[in-house]
Amino acid sequence: MRISTALLLVFAVMVSSPHAAVGDEAPRGRLTGGVKYDLPGWFKKSFLVLSEDAEEAGQKGRHVLLFMHLAECPYCARLLDENFRSGDTKVFTEKNFDVIGIDIRGGNSVEWFDGNTYTESELARKLKTVATPTMVFIDAKGNTVLQINGYRKPATLRQVLEYVQGRHYQTQSLASYVEKQNKVAVYRFREDPRFSPMTDFKGYAQPLAVIFEDKDCADCEEFHAKVLSHAEVQPELAKFKVVRLDAYSTSPIIDIEGRKTTPKEWAQRLNVIYRPGVVLFNEGKQRMRMDGMQYHYHFKELLRYVSGRYYRDYATFPSYNAARREELLSRGAVIDYSQ
């Protein structure tokens, strides 16, 4: 199956679930936690001919930043409020990037660098945008130099912006850049009795969650406090063997394919650029990953998708998520997209 690189489609297209409850005895459930927002007025008003946008940005020494978003996405609203409404990061971004909003459910025509025209929603699928927000950084020649999925805290996003603005992608990975930049640890590893000390993953065929953290993980405290410890997450997490690895560690381990490696090398091979990055395996293969901040509902459903082997029935997590949401709503459940 195609492995998704992120996880967060907050409001995927609704489809009927083959497992939905029959009958109309229970009142229909409801969605909560969505946040209405507007894009900042300083975002570029583009005609969406992106080759022209990239050329114009390049002439000014800038990159294009596509801000892929979705109506009422709480992650989008939080990132915008904390980074792009006011403050130093807003000033830095406005100075160095031409930011263009793309609604992943939108119908506006976008001319991509291959010369073809797509609707916004078609472009989102082409770019494998399964998370909101997703930020796509493009250079003057139309090359995608970095794509990150999901919410980032201000300090973390600022490092991403400086990495791209300084063109450090030409010589090193984002993870290497961050490791060199941070001289003082911002996170002390938290212990959890559910973590296994496993170091040999070869051939492990049961549900396995590998959590990559490091000393620079600005989101790890919130992930432990509000997601891993959430009452609705714990029953789903219990179905997994859970292993936490230091993504900077050079201690020897054996990965799931039987290669002798280190946590640092494995994280790089898996292209885990977010911390905490959670990679989920089942039947000996990578099935999904958390590559950006998630609140409890999306994380527990991600776990269920992998442990229940729903990837056999749904080729993508968004298609599963839409069906699952309809199933829960038909049972009268209240789905909370907030923390």
C-alpha atoms as a PDB file:
ATOM      1  CA  MET A   1       0.000   0.000   0.000  1.00  0.00           C
ATOM      2  CA  ARG A   2       1.061   3.616  -0.317  1.00  0.00           C
ATOM      3  CA  ILE A   3       2.443   4.883   2.980  1.00  0.00           C
ATOM      4  CA  SER A   4       1.175   8.269   4.018  1.00  0.00           C
ATOM      5  CA  THR A   5       3.784  10.778   5.160  1.00  0.00           C
ATOM      6  CA  ALA A   6       1.493  12.578   7.532  1.00  0.00           C
ATOM      7  CA  LEU A   7      -1.692  12.153   9.259  1.00  0.00           C
ATOM      8  CA  LEU A   8      -3.996  14.968  10.003  1.00  0.00           C
ATOM      9  CA  LEU A   9      -6.840  15.522   7.515  1.00  0.00           C
ATOM     10  CA  VAL A  10      -9.226  17.122   9.913  1.00  0.00           C
ATOM     11  CA  PHE A  11     -12.346  17.116   7.763  1.00  0.00           C
ATOM     12  CA  ALA A  12     -11.926  14.539   4.988  1.00  0.00           C
ATOM     13  CA  VAL A  13     -14.641  13.944   2.389  1.00  0.00           C
ATOM     14  CA  MET A  14     -17.584  12.168   4.003  1.00  0.00           C
ATOM     15  CA  VAL A  15     -18.293   8.653   2.784  1.00  0.00           C
ATOM     16  CA  SER A  16     -20.640   5.962   4.002  1.00  0.00           C
ATOM     17  CA  SER A  17     -19.168   3.360   6.320  1.00  0.00           C
ATOM     18  CA  PRO A  18     -19.888  -0.325   5.798  1.00  0.00           C
ATOM     19  CA  HIS A  19     -19.792  -0.624   9.608  1.00  0.00           C
ATOM     20  CA  ALA A  20     -22.252   2.200  10.376  1.00  0.00           C
ATOM     21  CA  ALA A  21     -25.093   1.514  12.760  1.00  0.00           C
ATOM     22  CA  VAL A  22     -28.484   0.792  11.214  1.00  0.00           C
ATOM     23  CA  GLY A  23     -31.618   2.547  12.342  1.00  0.00           C
ATOM     24  CA  ASP A  24     -32.485   6.016  13.564  1.00  0.00           C
ATOM     25  CA  GLU A  25     -33.087   5.381  17.247  1.00  0.00           C
ATOM     26  CA  ALA A  26     -30.033   7.248  18.502  1.00  0.00           C
ATOM     27  CA  PRO A  27     -29.751  10.970  17.741  1.00  0.00           C
ATOM     28  CA  ARG A  28     -26.968  11.767  15.333  1.00  0.00           C
ATOM     29  CA  GLY A  29     -23.694  12.809  16.918  1.00  0.00           C
ATOM     30  CA  ARG A  30     -21.851  16.040  16.300  1.00  0.00           C
ATOM     31  CA  LEU A  31     -18.412  17.455  15.620  1.00  0.00           C
ATOM     32  CA  THR A  32     -16.796  19.907  17.992  1.00  0.00           C
ATOM     33  CA  GLY A  33     -13.444  21.630  18.189  1.00  0.00           C
ATOM     34  CA  GLY A  34     -13.342  23.229  14.747  1.00  0.00           C
ATOM     35  CA  VAL A  35     -11.996  26.792  14.642  1.00  0.00           C
ATOM     36  CA  LYS A  36     -13.004  29.424  12.122  1.00  0.00           C
ATOM     37  CA  TYR A  37     -10.178  31.601  10.854  1.00  0.00           C
ATOM     38  CA  ASP A  38      -9.098  33.861   8.014  1.00  0.00           C
ATOM     39  CA  LEU A  39      -5.739  33.901   6.279  1.00  0.00           C
ATOM     40  CA  PRO A  40      -3.573  36.902   7.162  1.00  0.00           C
ATOM     41  CA  GLY A  41      -3.982  39.879   4.883  1.00  0.00           C
ATOM     42  CA  TRP A  42      -0.257  39.957   4.075  1.00  0.00           C
ATOM     43  CA  PHE A  43      -0.360  36.570   2.317  1.00  0.00           C
ATOM     44  CA  LYS A  44       0.236  37.029  -1.404  1.00  0.00           C
ATOM     45  CA  LYS A  45      -2.783  37.571  -3.654  1.00  0.00           C
ATOM     46  CA  SER A  46      -1.711  35.166  -6.363  1.00  0.00           C
ATOM     47  CA  PHE A  47      -3.173  34.356  -9.778  1.00  0.00           C
ATOM     48  CA  LEU A  48      -1.976  30.810  -8.983  1.00  0.00           C
ATOM     49  CA  VAL A  49       0.384  30.519 -11.927  1.00  0.00           C
ATOM     50  CA  LEU A  50       3.072  29.147  -9.687  1.00  0.00           C
ATOM     51  CA  SER A  51       5.986  29.321 -12.113  1.00  0.00           C
ATOM     52  CA  GLU A  52       5.458  33.090 -12.262  1.00  0.00           C
ATOM     53  CA  ASP A  53       5.164  33.264  -8.473  1.00  0.00           C
ATOM     54  CA  ALA A  54       8.412  31.321  -8.029  1.00  0.00           C
ATOM     55  CA  GLU A  55      10.270  33.472 -10.551  1.00  0.00           C
ATOM     56  CA  GLU A  56       9.031  36.670  -8.943  1.00  0.00           C
ATOM     57  CA  ALA A  57       9.998  35.429  -5.488  1.00  0.00           C
ATOM     58  CA  GLY A  58      13.429  34.384  -6.736  1.00  0.00           C
ATOM     59  CA  GLN A  59      14.093  37.845  -8.118  1.00  0.00           C
ATOM     60  CA  LYS A  60      13.632  39.161  -4.593  1.00  0.00           C
ATOM     61  CA  GLY A  61      15.766  36.435  -3.020  1.00  0.00           C
ATOM     62  CA  ARG A  62      12.720  34.713  -1.564  1.00  0.00           C
ATOM     63  CA  HIS A  63      11.065  31.312  -1.643  1.00  0.00           C
ATOM     64  CA  VAL A  64       7.413  30.551  -2.263  1.00  0.00           C
ATOM     65  CA  LEU A  65       5.606  29.017   0.698  1.00  0.00           C
ATOM     66  CA  LEU A  66       2.360  27.227  -0.117  1.00  0.00           C
ATOM     67  CA  PHE A  67       0.193  27.186   3.004  1.00  0.00           C
ATOM     68  CA  MET A  68      -2.127  24.216   2.445  1.00  0.00           C
ATOM     69  CA  HIS A  69      -5.084  24.607   4.755  1.00  0.00           C
ATOM     70  CA  LEU A  70      -8.680  23.597   5.396  1.00  0.00           C
ATOM     71  CA  ALA A  71     -11.712  25.454   6.707  1.00  0.00           C
ATOM     72  CA  GLU A  72     -12.128  25.226  10.509  1.00  0.00           C
ATOM     73  CA  CYS A  73      -8.916  23.222  10.904  1.00  0.00           C
ATOM     74  CA  PRO A  74      -7.868  23.815  14.535  1.00  0.00           C
ATOM     75  CA  TYR A  75      -4.237  23.049  13.751  1.00  0.00           C
ATOM     76  CA  CYS A  76      -4.232  25.685  10.992  1.00  0.00           C
ATOM     77  CA  ALA A  77      -5.830  28.283  13.240  1.00  0.00           C
ATOM     78  CA  ARG A  78      -3.327  27.636  16.026  1.00  0.00           C
ATOM     79  CA  LEU A  79      -0.301  27.855  13.743  1.00  0.00           C
ATOM     80  CA  LEU A  80      -1.544  31.080  12.160  1.00  0.00           C
ATOM     81  CA  ASP A  81      -2.331  32.689  15.503  1.00  0.00           C
ATOM     82  CA  GLU A  82       0.984  31.769  17.084  1.00  0.00           C
ATOM     83  CA  ASN A  83       3.247  32.485  14.113  1.00  0.00           C
ATOM     84  CA  PHE A  84       1.726  34.648  11.396  1.00  0.00           C
ATOM     85  CA  ARG A  85      -0.564  37.170  13.091  1.00  0.00           C
ATOM     86  CA  SER A  86       2.116  39.199  14.872  1.00  0.00           C
ATOM     87  CA  GLY A  87       5.612  38.988  16.314  1.00  0.00           C
ATOM     88  CA  ASP A  88       9.124  38.309  15.054  1.00  0.00           C
ATOM     89  CA  THR A  89       8.270  35.152  13.097  1.00  0.00           C
ATOM     90  CA  LYS A  90       5.542  36.980  11.224  1.00  0.00           C
ATOM     91  CA  VAL A  91       8.003  39.761  10.331  1.00  0.00           C
ATOM     92  CA  PHE A  92      10.681  37.245   9.291  1.00  0.00           C
ATOM     93  CA  THR A  93       8.262  35.259   7.116  1.00  0.00           C
ATOM     94  CA  GLU A  94       6.762  38.315   5.448  1.00  0.00           C
ATOM     95  CA  LYS A  95      10.266  39.541   4.616  1.00  0.00           C
ATOM     96  CA  ASN A  96      11.651  36.289   3.213  1.00  0.00           C
ATOM     97  CA  PHE A  97       8.735  34.324   1.747  1.00  0.00           C
ATOM     98  CA  ASP A  98       5.858  34.848  -0.642  1.00  0.00           C
ATOM     99  CA  VAL A  99       3.136  32.921   1.178  1.00  0.00           C
ATOM    100  CA  ILE A 100       0.204  31.653  -0.885  1.00  0.00           C
ATOM    101  CA  GLY A 101      -2.849  30.018   0.645  1.00  0.00           C
ATOM    102  CA  ILE A 102      -4.160  26.823  -0.963  1.00  0.00           C
ATOM    103  CA  ASP A 103      -7.481  25.414   0.249  1.00  0.00           C
ATOM    104  CA  ILE A 104      -7.135  21.642  -0.041  1.00  0.00           C
ATOM    105  CA  ARG A 105     -10.866  21.374  -0.686  1.00  0.00           C
ATOM    106  CA  GLY A 106     -10.891  24.420  -2.972  1.00  0.00           C
ATOM    107  CA  GLY A 107     -11.833  24.617  -6.643  1.00  0.00           C
ATOM    108  CA  ASN A 108      -9.587  27.441  -7.842  1.00  0.00           C
ATOM    109  CA  SER A 109      -7.339  26.581 -10.777  1.00  0.00           C
ATOM    110  CA  VAL A 110      -3.617  26.302 -10.059  1.00  0.00           C
ATOM    111  CA  GLU A 111      -0.990  26.032 -12.787  1.00  0.00           C
ATOM    112  CA  TRP A 112       1.745  23.751 -11.473  1.00  0.00           C
ATOM    113  CA  PHE A 113       5.365  23.585 -12.632  1.00  0.00           C
ATOM    114  CA  ASP A 114       4.689  20.656 -14.934  1.00  0.00           C
ATOM    115  CA  GLY A 115       2.565  22.971 -17.073  1.00  0.00           C
ATOM    116  CA  ASN A 116      -0.674  21.277 -16.083  1.00  0.00           C
ATOM    117  CA  THR A 117      -3.584  22.991 -14.386  1.00  0.00           C
ATOM    118  CA  TYR A 118      -5.179  21.466 -11.297  1.00  0.00           C
ATOM    119  CA  THR A 119      -7.889  22.512  -8.919  1.00  0.00           C
ATOM    120  CA  GLU A 120      -6.635  23.221  -5.426  1.00  0.00           C
ATOM    121  CA  SER A 121      -8.027  19.897  -4.231  1.00  0.00           C
ATOM    122  CA  GLU A 122      -6.398  18.041  -7.127  1.00  0.00           C
ATOM    123  CA  LEU A 123      -3.081  19.717  -6.378  1.00  0.00           C
ATOM    124  CA  ALA A 124      -3.381  18.694  -2.738  1.00  0.00           C
ATOM    125  CA  ARG A 125      -3.748  15.073  -3.827  1.00  0.00           C
ATOM    126  CA  LYS A 126      -0.838  15.413  -6.268  1.00  0.00           C
ATOM    127  CA  LEU A 127       1.369  16.697  -3.455  1.00  0.00           C
ATOM    128  CA  LYS A 128       0.125  13.904  -1.159  1.00  0.00           C
ATOM    129  CA  THR A 129      -1.210  16.485   1.241  1.00  0.00           C
ATOM    130  CA  VAL A 130      -2.998  14.430   3.844  1.00  0.00           C
ATOM    131  CA  ALA A 131      -2.387  16.854   6.697  1.00  0.00           C
ATOM    132  CA  THR A 132      -3.481  20.375   7.441  1.00  0.00           C
ATOM    133  CA  PRO A 133      -1.691  22.609   7.620  1.00  0.00           C
ATOM    134  CA  THR A 134       1.005  21.475   5.212  1.00  0.00           C
ATOM    135  CA  MET A 135       3.718  23.914   4.179  1.00  0.00           C
ATOM    136  CA  VAL A 136       5.453  23.438   0.827  1.00  0.00           C
ATOM    137  CA  PHE A 137       8.618  25.462   0.233  1.00  0.00           C
ATOM    138  CA  ILE A 138       9.565  26.121  -3.400  1.00  0.00           C
ATOM    139  CA  ASP A 139      12.688  27.707  -4.872  1.00  0.00           C
ATOM    140  CA  ALA A 140      12.969  30.025  -7.882  1.00  0.00           C
ATOM    141  CA  LYS A 141      13.272  27.086 -10.286  1.00  0.00           C
ATOM    142  CA  GLY A 142      10.084  25.460  -9.065  1.00  0.00           C
ATOM    143  CA  ASN A 143      11.782  22.763  -6.995  1.00  0.00           C
ATOM    144  CA  THR A 144      10.094  21.673  -3.777  1.00  0.00           C
ATOM    145  CA  VAL A 145      12.926  21.996  -1.285  1.00  0.00           C
ATOM    146  CA  LEU A 146      10.953  21.006   1.811  1.00  0.00           C
ATOM    147  CA  GLN A 147       7.449  19.900   2.712  1.00  0.00           C
ATOM    148  CA  ILE A 148       6.361  19.739   6.344  1.00  0.00           C
ATOM    149  CA  ASN A 149       3.094  18.460   7.670  1.00  0.00           C
ATOM    150  CA  GLY A 150       1.060  19.668  10.586  1.00  0.00           C
ATOM    151  CA  TYR A 151       1.273  22.271  13.319  1.00  0.00           C
ATOM    152  CA  ARG A 152       4.649  23.497  14.590  1.00  0.00           C
ATOM    153  CA  LYS A 153       5.372  25.496  17.734  1.00  0.00           C
ATOM    154  CA  PRO A 154       6.841  28.974  17.073  1.00  0.00           C
ATOM    155  CA  ALA A 155      10.434  28.050  17.986  1.00  0.00           C
ATOM    156  CA  THR A 156      10.297  24.927  15.831  1.00  0.00           C
ATOM    157  CA  LEU A 157       8.718  26.655  12.857  1.00  0.00           C
ATOM    158  CA  ARG A 158      11.219  29.501  13.064  1.00  0.00           C
ATOM    159  CA  GLN A 159      14.059  27.008  12.641  1.00  0.00           C
ATOM    160  CA  VAL A 160      12.306  25.545   9.595  1.00  0.00           C
ATOM    161  CA  LEU A 161      11.933  29.002   8.074  1.00  0.00           C
ATOM    162  CA  GLU A 162      15.576  29.889   8.744  1.00  0.00           C
ATOM    163  CA  TYR A 163      16.695  26.533   7.308  1.00  0.00           C
ATOM    164  CA  VAL A 164      14.919  27.274   4.035  1.00  0.00           C
ATOM    165  CA  GLN A 165      15.683  30.993   3.899  1.00  0.00           C
ATOM    166  CA  GLY A 166      19.405  30.282   4.398  1.00  0.00           C
ATOM    167  CA  ARG A 167      19.296  27.561   1.717  1.00  0.00           C
ATOM    168  CA  HIS A 168      20.774  25.059   4.148  1.00  0.00           C
ATOM    169  CA  TYR A 169      18.772  22.355   2.338  1.00  0.00           C
ATOM    170  CA  GLN A 170      21.520  22.446  -0.285  1.00  0.00           C
ATOM    171  CA  THR A 171      24.055  20.935   2.125  1.00  0.00           C
ATOM    172  CA  GLN A 172      22.234  19.172   4.973  1.00  0.00           C
ATOM    173  CA  SER A 173      18.979  17.740   6.207  1.00  0.00           C
ATOM    174  CA  LEU A 174      16.626  19.692   8.412  1.00  0.00           C
ATOM    175  CA  ALA A 175      17.327  17.331  11.322  1.00  0.00           C
ATOM    176  CA  SER A 176      21.095  17.888  11.022  1.00  0.00           C
ATOM    177  CA  TYR A 177      20.589  21.641  10.858  1.00  0.00           C
ATOM    178  CA  VAL A 178      18.423  21.683  13.985  1.00  0.00           C
ATOM    179  CA  GLU A 179      20.854  19.464  15.882  1.00  0.00           C
ATOM    180  CA  LYS A 180      23.718  21.878  15.131  1.00  0.00           C
ATOM    181  CA  GLN A 181      21.692  24.983  15.972  1.00  0.00           C
ATOM    182  CA  ASN A 182      20.460  23.935  19.392  1.00  0.00           C
ATOM    183  CA  LYS A 183      23.151  24.183  22.048  1.00  0.00           C
ATOM    184  CA  VAL A 184      20.867  23.826  25.063  1.00  0.00           C
ATOM    185  CA  ALA A 185      18.383  20.976  25.480  1.00  0.00           C
ATOM    186  CA  VAL A 186      14.741  22.046  25.554  1.00  0.00           C
ATOM    187  CA  TYR A 187      13.362  18.638  26.519  1.00  0.00           C
ATOM    188  CA  ARG A 188      14.269  16.066  29.156  1.00  0.00           C
ATOM    189  CA  PHE A 189      13.132  12.565  28.226  1.00  0.00           C
ATOM    190  CA  ARG A 190      10.038  11.505  30.124  1.00  0.00           C
ATOM    191  CA  GLU A 191       9.769   7.917  31.249  1.00  0.00           C
ATOM    192  CA  ASP A 192       6.641   5.871  30.648  1.00  0.00           C
ATOM    193  CA  PRO A 193       5.987   2.339  31.930  1.00  0.00           C
ATOM    194  CA  ARG A 194       4.481   1.443  28.561  1.00  0.00           C
ATOM    195  CA  PHE A 195       7.811   1.942  26.788  1.00  0.00           C
ATOM    196  CA  SER A 196       9.693  -1.242  25.918  1.00  0.00           C
ATOM    197  CA  PRO A 197      13.532  -1.366  25.901  1.00  0.00           C
ATOM    198  CA  MET A 198      13.484  -3.217  22.566  1.00  0.00           C
ATOM    199  CA  THR A 199      16.542  -2.805  20.326  1.00  0.00           C
ATOM    200  CA  ASP A 200      16.136  -5.713  17.883  1.00  0.00           C
ATOM    201  CA  PHE A 201      13.110  -5.129  15.657  1.00  0.00           C
ATOM    202  CA  LYS A 202      13.931  -7.673  12.960  1.00  0.00           C
ATOM    203  CA  GLY A 203      10.823  -9.402  11.654  1.00  0.00           C
ATOM    204  CA  TYR A 204       8.538  -8.096  14.385  1.00  0.00           C
ATOM    205  CA  ALA A 205       5.057  -8.707  12.969  1.00  0.00           C
ATOM    206  CA  GLN A 206       2.724  -7.387  15.687  1.00  0.00           C
ATOM    207  CA  PRO A 207       1.576  -3.759  16.035  1.00  0.00           C
ATOM    208  CA  LEU A 208       4.634  -1.662  16.841  1.00  0.00           C
ATOM    209  CA  ALA A 209       4.867   2.063  17.609  1.00  0.00           C
ATOM    210  CA  VAL A 210       8.340   3.588  17.436  1.00  0.00           C
ATOM    211  CA  ILE A 211       8.481   7.084  18.948  1.00  0.00           C
ATOM    212  CA  PHE A 212      11.469   9.204  17.940  1.00  0.00           C
ATOM    213  CA  GLU A 213      12.309  12.011  20.359  1.00  0.00           C
ATOM    214  CA  ASP A 214      15.399  14.124  21.008  1.00  0.00           C
ATOM    215  CA  LYS A 215      16.647  16.858  23.316  1.00  0.00           C
ATOM    216  CA  ASP A 216      15.382  19.518  20.898  1.00  0.00           C
ATOM    217  CA  CYS A 217      11.790  18.249  20.896  1.00  0.00           C
ATOM    218  CA  ALA A 218       9.654  21.303  21.646  1.00  0.00           C
ATOM    219  CA  ASP A 219       6.399  19.349  21.288  1.00  0.00           C
ATOM    220  CA  CYS A 220       7.281  16.255  23.321  1.00  0.00           C
ATOM    221  CA  GLU A 221       6.010  17.546  26.665  1.00  0.00           C
ATOM    222  CA  GLU A 222       2.604  18.380  25.213  1.00  0.00           C
ATOM    223  CA  PHE A 223       2.462  15.050  23.390  1.00  0.00           C
ATOM    224  CA  HIS A 224       3.073  13.121  26.622  1.00  0.00           C
ATOM    225  CA  ALA A 225       0.785  15.262  28.771  1.00  0.00           C
ATOM    226  CA  LYS A 226      -2.190  15.655  26.450  1.00  0.00           C
ATOM    227  CA  VAL A 227      -2.050  12.845  23.896  1.00  0.00           C
ATOM    228  CA  LEU A 228      -0.279   9.740  25.191  1.00  0.00           C
ATOM    229  CA  SER A 229      -1.966  10.107  28.579  1.00  0.00           C
ATOM    230  CA  HIS A 230      -5.455  10.788  27.202  1.00  0.00           C
ATOM    231  CA  ALA A 231      -8.101   8.318  28.373  1.00  0.00           C
ATOM    232  CA  GLU A 232      -9.325   7.656  24.827  1.00  0.00           C
ATOM    233  CA  VAL A 233      -5.816   7.029  23.505  1.00  0.00           C
ATOM    234  CA  GLN A 234      -4.680   4.555  26.134  1.00  0.00           C
ATOM    235  CA  PRO A 235      -6.840   1.557  25.076  1.00  0.00           C
ATOM    236  CA  GLU A 236      -5.643   1.902  21.477  1.00  0.00           C
ATOM    237  CA  LEU A 237      -2.012   2.375  22.486  1.00  0.00           C
ATOM    238  CA  ALA A 238      -2.219  -0.781  24.616  1.00  0.00           C
ATOM    239  CA  LYS A 239      -2.552  -2.827  21.409  1.00  0.00           C
ATOM    240  CA  PHE A 240       1.011  -1.850  20.426  1.00  0.00           C
ATOM    241  CA  LYS A 241       4.489  -2.594  21.625  1.00  0.00           C
ATOM    242  CA  VAL A 242       5.702   0.961  22.205  1.00  0.00           C
ATOM    243  CA  VAL A 243       9.387   1.829  21.884  1.00  0.00           C
ATOM    244  CA  ARG A 244      10.872   5.280  22.427  1.00  0.00           C
ATOM    245  CA  LEU A 245      14.202   6.022  20.702  1.00  0.00           C
ATOM    246  CA  ASP A 246      16.527   9.000  20.964  1.00  0.00           C
ATOM    247  CA  ALA A 247      16.766  10.238  17.377  1.00  0.00           C
ATOM    248  CA  TYR A 248      20.287  11.515  18.062  1.00  0.00           C
ATOM    249  CA  SER A 249      21.539   8.228  19.503  1.00  0.00           C
ATOM    250  CA  THR A 250      24.304   6.264  17.793  1.00  0.00           C
ATOM    251  CA  SER A 251      23.811   3.128  19.916  1.00  0.00           C
ATOM    252  CA  PRO A 252      23.497  -0.076  17.867  1.00  0.00           C
ATOM    253  CA  ILE A 253      20.051  -1.437  17.035  1.00  0.00           C
ATOM    254  CA  ILE A 254      18.610  -3.733  14.369  1.00  0.00           C
ATOM    255  CA  ASP A 255      15.739  -2.260  12.358  1.00  0.00           C
ATOM    256  CA  ILE A 256      12.613  -4.098  11.313  1.00  0.00           C
ATOM    257  CA  GLU A 257      14.210  -5.149   8.029  1.00  0.00           C
ATOM    258  CA  GLY A 258      17.139  -6.704   9.860  1.00  0.00           C
ATOM    259  CA  ARG A 259      19.747  -4.024   9.135  1.00  0.00           C
ATOM    260  CA  LYS A 260      22.340  -3.100  11.758  1.00  0.00           C
ATOM    261  CA  THR A 261      21.885   0.597  12.319  1.00  0.00           C
ATOM    262  CA  THR A 262      21.392   3.274  14.986  1.00  0.00           C
ATOM    263  CA  PRO A 263      18.304   5.254  16.036  1.00  0.00           C
ATOM    264  CA  LYS A 264      19.807   8.322  14.345  1.00  0.00           C
ATOM    265  CA  GLU A 265      20.361   6.495  11.053  1.00  0.00           C
ATOM    266  CA  TRP A 266      16.953   4.814  11.210  1.00  0.00           C
ATOM    267  CA  ALA A 267      15.165   8.131  11.757  1.00  0.00           C
ATOM    268  CA  GLN A 268      17.037   9.570   8.781  1.00  0.00           C
ATOM    269  CA  ARG A 269      16.229   6.568   6.599  1.00  0.00           C
ATOM    270  CA  LEU A 270      12.559   6.827   7.542  1.00  0.00           C
ATOM    271  CA  ASN A 271      12.732  10.589   6.857  1.00  0.00           C
ATOM    272  CA  VAL A 272      11.306  11.408  10.272  1.00  0.00           C
ATOM    273  CA  ILE A 273      11.817  15.175  10.432  1.00  0.00           C
ATOM    274  CA  TYR A 274       9.299  15.990  13.173  1.00  0.00           C
ATOM    275  CA  ARG A 275       9.709  15.305  16.875  1.00  0.00           C
ATOM    276  CA  PRO A 276       8.007  13.475  18.369  1.00  0.00           C
ATOM    277  CA  GLY A 277       7.777  11.378  15.236  1.00  0.00           C
ATOM    278  CA  VAL A 278       5.714   8.221  15.623  1.00  0.00           C
ATOM    279  CA  VAL A 279       6.125   5.448  13.059  1.00  0.00           C
ATOM    280  CA  LEU A 280       3.570   2.647  13.178  1.00  0.00           C
ATOM    281  CA  PHE A 281       4.262  -0.847  11.919  1.00  0.00           C
ATOM    282  CA  ASN A 282       2.123  -3.950  11.545  1.00  0.00           C
ATOM    283  CA  GLU A 283       2.777  -7.269   9.817  1.00  0.00           C
ATOM    284  CA  GLY A 284       6.422  -6.267   9.618  1.00  0.00           C
ATOM    285  CA  LYS A 285       5.871  -3.144   7.508  1.00  0.00           C
ATOM    286  CA  GLN A 286       5.561   0.569   8.065  1.00  0.00           C
ATOM    287  CA  ARG A 287       1.878   1.426   7.784  1.00  0.00           C
ATOM    288  CA  MET A 288       1.482   5.008   8.986  1.00  0.00           C
ATOM    289  CA  ARG A 289       3.290   7.760  10.839  1.00  0.00           C
ATOM    290  CA  MET A 290       2.642  10.876  12.860  1.00  0.00           C
ATOM    291  CA  ASP A 291       4.690  13.612  11.239  1.00  0.00           C
ATOM    292  CA  GLY A 292       3.148  16.637  12.928  1.00  0.00           C
ATOM    293  CA  MET A 293       1.284  17.562  16.092  1.00  0.00           C
ATOM    294  CA  GLN A 294      -1.946  15.610  16.586  1.00  0.00           C
ATOM    295  CA  TYR A 295      -4.654  15.921  19.173  1.00  0.00           C
ATOM    296  CA  HIS A 296      -6.073  12.875  20.878  1.00  0.00           C
ATOM    297  CA  TYR A 297      -8.890  11.986  18.448  1.00  0.00           C
ATOM    298  CA  HIS A 298      -6.728  11.793  15.340  1.00  0.00           C
ATOM    299  CA  PHE A 299      -3.938   9.969  17.142  1.00  0.00           C
ATOM    300  CA  LYS A 300      -6.214   7.279  18.583  1.00  0.00           C
ATOM    301  CA  GLU A 301      -7.796   6.724  15.179  1.00  0.00           C
ATOM    302  CA  LEU A 302      -4.374   6.488  13.586  1.00  0.00           C
ATOM    303  CA  LEU A 303      -3.499   3.760  16.080  1.00  0.00           C
ATOM    304  CA  ARG A 304      -6.770   1.932  15.428  1.00  0.00           C
ATOM    305  CA  TYR A 305      -6.243   2.130  11.654  1.00  0.00           C
ATOM    306  CA  VAL A 306      -2.927   0.292  11.988  1.00  0.00           C
ATOM    307  CA  SER A 307      -3.628  -2.166  14.821  1.00  0.00           C
ATOM    308  CA  GLY A 308      -6.978  -3.162  13.295  1.00  0.00           C
ATOM    309  CA  ARG A 309      -5.371  -3.589   9.858  1.00  0.00           C
ATOM    310  CA  TYR A 310      -7.903  -1.259   8.309  1.00  0.00           C
ATOM    311  CA  TYR A 311      -5.244  -0.380   5.735  1.00  0.00           C
ATOM    312  CA  ARG A 312      -6.393  -3.573   4.024  1.00  0.00           C
ATOM    313  CA  ASP A 313      -9.831  -2.051   3.415  1.00  0.00           C
ATOM    314  CA  TYR A 314      -8.906   1.637   3.075  1.00  0.00           C
ATOM    315  CA  ALA A 315      -5.910   2.541   0.927  1.00  0.00           C
ATOM    316  CA  THR A 316      -5.421   5.856   2.725  1.00  0.00           C
ATOM    317  CA  PHE A 317      -5.926   7.066   6.248  1.00  0.00           C
ATOM    318  CA  PRO A 318      -8.227   9.946   5.126  1.00  0.00           C
ATOM    319  CA  SER A 319     -10.621   7.474   3.482  1.00  0.00           C
ATOM    320  CA  TYR A 320     -10.668   5.398   6.660  1.00  0.00           C
ATOM    321  CA  ASN A 321     -11.032   8.522   8.792  1.00  0.00           C
ATOM    322  CA  ALA A 322     -14.059   9.725   6.847  1.00  0.00           C
ATOM    323  CA  ALA A 323     -15.783   6.346   7.107  1.00  0.00           C
ATOM    324  CA  ARG A 324     -14.944   6.020  10.776  1.00  0.00           C
ATOM    325  CA  ARG A 325     -16.263   9.483  11.523  1.00  0.00           C
ATOM    326  CA  GLU A 326     -19.564   8.707   9.823  1.00  0.00           C
ATOM    327  CA  GLU A 327     -19.794   5.479  11.795  1.00  0.00           C
ATOM    328  CA  LEU A 328     -19.285   7.288  15.106  1.00  0.00           C
ATOM    329  CA  LEU A 329     -21.683  10.110  14.248  1.00  0.00           C
ATOM    330  CA  SER A 330     -24.369   7.606  13.274  1.00  0.00           C
ATOM    331  CA  ARG A 331     -24.030   6.110  16.756  1.00  0.00           C
ATOM    332  CA  GLY A 332     -24.582   9.493  18.374  1.00  0.00           C
ATOM    333  CA  ALA A 333     -20.960  10.116  19.373  1.00  0.00           C
ATOM    334  CA  VAL A 334     -19.507  13.562  19.981  1.00  0.00           C
ATOM    335  CA  ILE A 335     -16.198  13.868  18.130  1.00  0.00           C
ATOM    336  CA  ASP A 336     -13.901  16.465  19.643  1.00  0.00           C
ATOM    337  CA  TYR A 337     -11.166  17.708  17.323  1.00  0.00           C
ATOM    338  CA  SER A 338      -9.660  19.937  19.990  1.00  0.00           C
ATOM    339  CA  GLN A 339      -7.014  18.965  22.525  1.00  0.00           C
END
